Amino acid sequence: MRSSLIFLTLFFTWVTAYAQDTINKLDAEGKKNGQWIKRDNEGNKIYEGQFIHGTPVGEFKYYYLKGELKAISLLSENGTRSRTTTYFKNGRKMAEGIYINEKKDSLWRFYSEYEDVVISEEFYKEGKKEGISKTYYPDGVIAERSTWKQGVRNGTWEQYYTDGKLKLKCAYLNDLKDGPMITYHISGRIWLTGQYTKGDADGTWTYVTDKGEIEKKEYFDKGRLVRTEEFIKKESKQ
């Protein structure tokens, strides 16, 4: 029995030593080759994965400081493309999408830290937002829709009530509000109409009650309020 225990101890010691001896190796040209586990100065694991003569391949796992799983990437196309899923420290999914040459590309989905629900969807091109981005209420109803070009807002921007009805609609030009703006009461009736010029309120802004009556008008000159006309006096609070 004693000899068996000694043999098993020696065997597992040899296996452990052999495993350690086969990771973090370089090829003849000094490139990473085979299984790699990178650690920080205190021995905490940063990532683990496989290399073939300097090129990352297959599955890579990344970790938080205390060892929780941070991300999983599946690499292909000579390491230039990866389908990545990131995680919160509590283990729930944070985001998922594609990297090309280490830059976000195509559709990315982002999730709630406390529920397995999508909170936003964004499209990317070479690391910058491109196309339609959406955010959602917890029940999946759309909350906001925006249009992006080369990482800045360009085009229609819309916000919605929790029941899905349109709340606000305007446009952006080079990340500044520009053009007509309109908001709605929860009933669907128009609440406010106005105009933006390069980010500044401009021209006539008209406020309308839920009954369709004009409440007041404000007149702007490139962001400066010139005057106000009130058509329905609000009752003063006693």
Protein backbone atom coordinates (compact mmCIF):
# COMPACT_ATOMS: atom_id res chain seq x y z
CA MET A 1 0.00 0.00 0.00
CA ARG A 2 2.79 2.39 0.96
CA SER A 3 4.66 1.71 -2.27
CA SER A 4 1.48 2.39 -4.25
CA LEU A 5 1.02 5.77 -2.56
CA ILE A 6 4.64 6.67 -3.27
CA PHE A 7 4.20 5.67 -6.91
CA LEU A 8 1.02 7.75 -7.30
CA THR A 9 2.67 10.75 -5.66
CA LEU A 10 5.66 10.53 -7.97
CA PHE A 11 3.40 10.00 -10.98
CA PHE A 12 1.26 13.09 -10.36
CA THR A 13 4.36 15.12 -9.56
CA TRP A 14 5.80 14.09 -12.95
CA VAL A 15 2.53 14.87 -14.77
CA THR A 16 2.33 18.31 -13.16
CA ALA A 17 5.95 19.07 -14.00
CA TYR A 18 5.47 17.84 -17.56
CA ALA A 19 2.33 19.98 -18.01
CA GLN A 20 4.12 23.06 -16.71
CA ASP A 21 7.04 22.31 -18.99
CA THR A 22 4.82 22.25 -22.09
CA ILE A 23 3.14 25.66 -21.66
CA ASN A 24 4.43 29.14 -22.48
CA LYS A 25 6.92 27.87 -25.06
CA LEU A 26 8.51 29.72 -27.98
CA ASP A 27 9.38 28.27 -31.36
CA ALA A 28 12.79 28.56 -33.04
CA GLU A 29 11.92 32.08 -34.20
CA GLY A 30 10.96 33.23 -30.72
CA LYS A 31 7.20 33.16 -31.40
CA LYS A 32 4.61 31.84 -28.95
CA ASN A 33 3.73 28.25 -29.76
CA GLY A 34 1.32 25.85 -28.06
CA GLN A 35 -0.60 26.40 -24.83
CA TRP A 36 -0.05 29.76 -23.12
CA ILE A 37 -1.19 30.99 -19.73
CA LYS A 38 -0.32 34.60 -18.98
CA ARG A 39 -0.22 35.77 -15.37
CA ASP A 40 0.43 39.09 -13.67
CA ASN A 41 3.27 39.76 -11.25
CA GLU A 42 1.25 38.29 -8.38
CA GLY A 43 0.45 35.07 -10.22
CA ASN A 44 -3.15 35.90 -11.12
CA LYS A 45 -4.22 34.43 -14.43
CA ILE A 46 -4.87 37.03 -17.16
CA TYR A 47 -5.62 34.76 -20.11
CA GLU A 48 -5.11 31.27 -21.50
CA GLY A 49 -5.18 29.99 -25.07
CA GLN A 50 -3.30 28.39 -27.93
CA PHE A 51 -0.78 29.83 -30.37
CA ILE A 52 0.60 28.35 -33.57
CA HIS A 53 3.93 29.98 -34.34
CA GLY A 54 2.81 33.36 -32.99
CA THR A 55 -0.77 33.28 -34.27
CA PRO A 56 -3.58 32.93 -31.68
CA VAL A 57 -6.05 30.19 -32.62
CA GLY A 58 -9.20 28.66 -31.21
CA GLU A 59 -10.61 29.55 -27.81
CA PHE A 60 -9.07 32.15 -25.51
CA LYS A 61 -10.31 32.82 -21.98
CA TYR A 62 -9.71 36.04 -20.07
CA TYR A 63 -10.09 36.55 -16.31
CA TYR A 64 -10.75 39.23 -13.72
CA LEU A 65 -8.17 39.79 -10.97
CA LYS A 66 -9.87 37.36 -8.57
CA GLY A 67 -10.28 34.64 -11.19
CA GLU A 68 -13.82 35.22 -12.42
CA LEU A 69 -14.30 34.62 -16.14
CA LYS A 70 -14.12 37.94 -17.98
CA ALA A 71 -14.39 36.94 -21.66
CA ILE A 72 -14.26 34.07 -24.13
CA SER A 73 -13.00 34.67 -27.66
CA LEU A 74 -13.11 32.19 -30.55
CA LEU A 75 -10.41 33.22 -33.00
CA SER A 76 -10.23 32.46 -36.71
CA GLU A 77 -8.80 33.81 -39.98
CA ASN A 78 -5.20 33.80 -38.72
CA GLY A 79 -6.20 35.49 -35.48
CA THR A 80 -7.69 38.55 -37.18
CA ARG A 81 -11.32 37.69 -36.40
CA SER A 82 -12.81 36.75 -33.04
CA ARG A 83 -16.33 36.10 -31.86
CA THR A 84 -16.26 37.37 -28.29
CA THR A 85 -18.56 37.08 -25.31
CA THR A 86 -17.81 39.17 -22.21
CA TYR A 87 -19.15 38.57 -18.70
CA PHE A 88 -19.92 40.54 -15.56
CA LYS A 89 -18.17 39.40 -12.38
CA ASN A 90 -21.42 37.78 -11.25
CA GLY A 91 -21.20 35.42 -14.24
CA ARG A 92 -23.97 36.95 -16.32
CA LYS A 93 -23.34 37.76 -19.95
CA MET A 94 -22.31 41.39 -20.55
CA ALA A 95 -21.93 41.62 -24.33
CA GLU A 96 -21.33 39.58 -27.46
CA GLY A 97 -20.09 40.43 -30.92
CA ILE A 98 -17.24 40.26 -33.40
CA TYR A 99 -13.79 41.83 -33.46
CA ILE A 100 -11.88 42.21 -36.71
CA ASN A 101 -8.25 43.23 -36.25
CA GLU A 102 -9.09 43.92 -32.58
CA LYS A 103 -11.83 46.42 -33.50
CA LYS A 104 -15.56 45.93 -32.97
CA ASP A 105 -17.42 45.06 -36.15
CA SER A 106 -20.98 44.22 -37.22
CA LEU A 107 -23.74 43.64 -34.65
CA TRP A 108 -23.00 43.84 -30.91
CA ARG A 109 -25.55 43.01 -28.22
CA PHE A 110 -25.30 44.25 -24.63
CA TYR A 111 -27.08 42.67 -21.65
CA SER A 112 -28.33 43.63 -18.21
CA GLU A 113 -26.06 42.81 -15.28
CA TYR A 114 -28.97 41.43 -13.27
CA GLU A 115 -31.25 39.82 -15.88
CA ASP A 116 -30.58 37.84 -19.04
CA VAL A 117 -32.17 40.48 -21.27
CA VAL A 118 -30.78 42.59 -24.11
CA ILE A 119 -30.54 46.28 -23.17
CA SER A 120 -29.00 47.56 -26.40
CA GLU A 121 -27.91 46.60 -29.92
CA GLU A 122 -25.23 48.48 -31.84
CA PHE A 123 -23.60 48.08 -35.25
CA TYR A 124 -19.90 48.80 -35.75
CA LYS A 125 -17.47 49.20 -38.61
CA GLU A 126 -13.73 49.27 -37.90
CA GLY A 127 -14.37 49.99 -34.22
CA LYS A 128 -16.83 52.85 -34.73
CA LYS A 129 -20.61 52.88 -34.52
CA GLU A 130 -22.19 52.64 -37.95
CA GLY A 131 -25.90 52.41 -38.77
CA ILE A 132 -28.82 51.92 -36.40
CA SER A 133 -28.35 51.57 -32.62
CA LYS A 134 -31.22 50.60 -30.30
CA THR A 135 -31.77 50.54 -26.55
CA TYR A 136 -34.57 48.62 -24.84
CA TYR A 137 -36.68 48.69 -21.71
CA PRO A 138 -36.32 45.60 -19.45
CA ASP A 139 -39.37 43.98 -21.07
CA GLY A 140 -37.86 44.26 -24.55
CA VAL A 141 -39.86 47.27 -25.75
CA ILE A 142 -37.68 49.70 -27.70
CA ALA A 143 -36.69 52.82 -25.73
CA GLU A 144 -34.45 54.66 -28.18
CA ARG A 145 -33.27 54.40 -31.77
CA SER A 146 -30.37 56.43 -33.19
CA THR A 147 -28.39 56.59 -36.44
CA TRP A 148 -24.59 56.67 -36.51
CA LYS A 149 -21.90 57.23 -39.12
CA GLN A 150 -18.20 56.75 -38.42
CA GLY A 151 -18.74 56.93 -34.67
CA VAL A 152 -20.89 60.08 -34.47
CA ARG A 153 -24.64 60.55 -34.55
CA ASN A 154 -25.89 61.40 -38.02
CA GLY A 155 -29.54 60.98 -38.93
CA THR A 156 -32.79 60.28 -37.11
CA TRP A 157 -32.99 59.99 -33.31
CA GLU A 158 -36.18 58.65 -31.72
CA GLN A 159 -37.32 57.98 -28.15
CA TYR A 160 -40.31 55.86 -27.12
CA TYR A 161 -42.66 55.50 -24.16
CA THR A 162 -42.73 52.19 -22.26
CA ASP A 163 -45.74 51.07 -24.31
CA GLY A 164 -43.83 51.53 -27.57
CA LYS A 165 -45.48 54.79 -28.65
CA LEU A 166 -43.24 57.46 -30.15
CA LYS A 167 -42.18 60.10 -27.61
CA LEU A 168 -39.63 62.24 -29.49
CA LYS A 169 -38.19 62.51 -32.97
CA CYS A 170 -35.42 64.73 -34.28
CA ALA A 171 -32.22 64.50 -36.30
CA TYR A 172 -28.48 64.83 -35.74
CA LEU A 173 -25.82 66.19 -38.03
CA ASN A 174 -22.21 65.54 -36.99
CA ASP A 175 -23.32 64.78 -33.41
CA LEU A 176 -25.37 68.01 -33.10
CA LYS A 177 -29.15 68.26 -33.18
CA ASP A 178 -30.08 69.82 -36.49
CA GLY A 179 -33.47 70.18 -38.17
CA PRO A 180 -37.10 69.76 -37.04
CA MET A 181 -37.89 68.31 -33.61
CA ILE A 182 -41.23 66.97 -32.41
CA THR A 183 -42.38 65.39 -29.13
CA TYR A 184 -45.64 63.62 -28.32
CA HIS A 185 -47.95 63.16 -25.36
CA ILE A 186 -48.48 59.57 -24.21
CA SER A 187 -51.82 59.77 -26.02
CA GLY A 188 -50.03 60.22 -29.33
CA ARG A 189 -50.98 63.89 -29.76
CA ILE A 190 -48.26 66.40 -30.59
CA TRP A 191 -46.78 68.07 -27.51
CA LEU A 192 -43.98 70.26 -28.86
CA THR A 193 -42.61 71.25 -32.25
CA GLY A 194 -39.42 73.19 -32.83
CA GLN A 195 -36.22 73.49 -34.79
CA TYR A 196 -32.51 73.01 -34.08
CA THR A 197 -29.66 74.62 -35.98
CA LYS A 198 -26.25 73.09 -35.28
CA GLY A 199 -27.28 72.13 -31.75
CA ASP A 200 -29.09 75.36 -30.85
CA ALA A 201 -32.83 75.88 -30.50
CA ASP A 202 -33.88 78.15 -33.34
CA GLY A 203 -37.03 79.72 -34.69
CA THR A 204 -40.50 79.13 -33.22
CA TRP A 205 -41.15 76.45 -30.62
CA THR A 206 -44.81 75.61 -30.06
CA TYR A 207 -46.20 73.80 -27.01
CA VAL A 208 -49.59 72.08 -27.34
CA THR A 209 -51.79 70.55 -24.64
CA ASP A 210 -53.07 66.98 -24.81
CA LYS A 211 -56.39 68.48 -25.91
CA GLY A 212 -54.80 70.05 -28.98
CA GLU A 213 -54.75 73.64 -27.65
CA ILE A 214 -51.68 75.85 -28.11
CA GLU A 215 -50.28 76.50 -24.64
CA LYS A 216 -47.37 78.80 -25.51
CA LYS A 217 -44.80 79.73 -28.12
CA GLU A 218 -41.13 80.47 -27.65
CA TYR A 219 -39.02 82.33 -30.19
CA PHE A 220 -35.29 81.54 -30.41
CA ASP A 221 -32.41 83.03 -32.34
CA LYS A 222 -29.63 80.41 -32.54
CA GLY A 223 -30.00 79.30 -28.95
CA ARG A 224 -31.03 82.64 -27.47
CA LEU A 225 -34.62 82.94 -26.23
CA VAL A 226 -36.00 86.16 -27.73
CA ARG A 227 -39.55 86.17 -26.37
CA THR A 228 -42.39 84.00 -25.13
CA GLU A 229 -46.12 84.11 -25.85
CA GLU A 230 -48.48 82.34 -23.44
CA PHE A 231 -51.93 81.39 -24.65
CA ILE A 232 -53.08 79.36 -21.65
CA LYS A 233 -52.23 80.72 -18.21
CA LYS A 234 -51.17 78.06 -15.71
CA GLU A 235 -52.96 78.18 -12.38
CA SER A 236 -50.69 79.47 -9.61
CA LYS A 237 -50.10 77.14 -6.68
CA GLN A 238 -51.30 78.45 -3.34
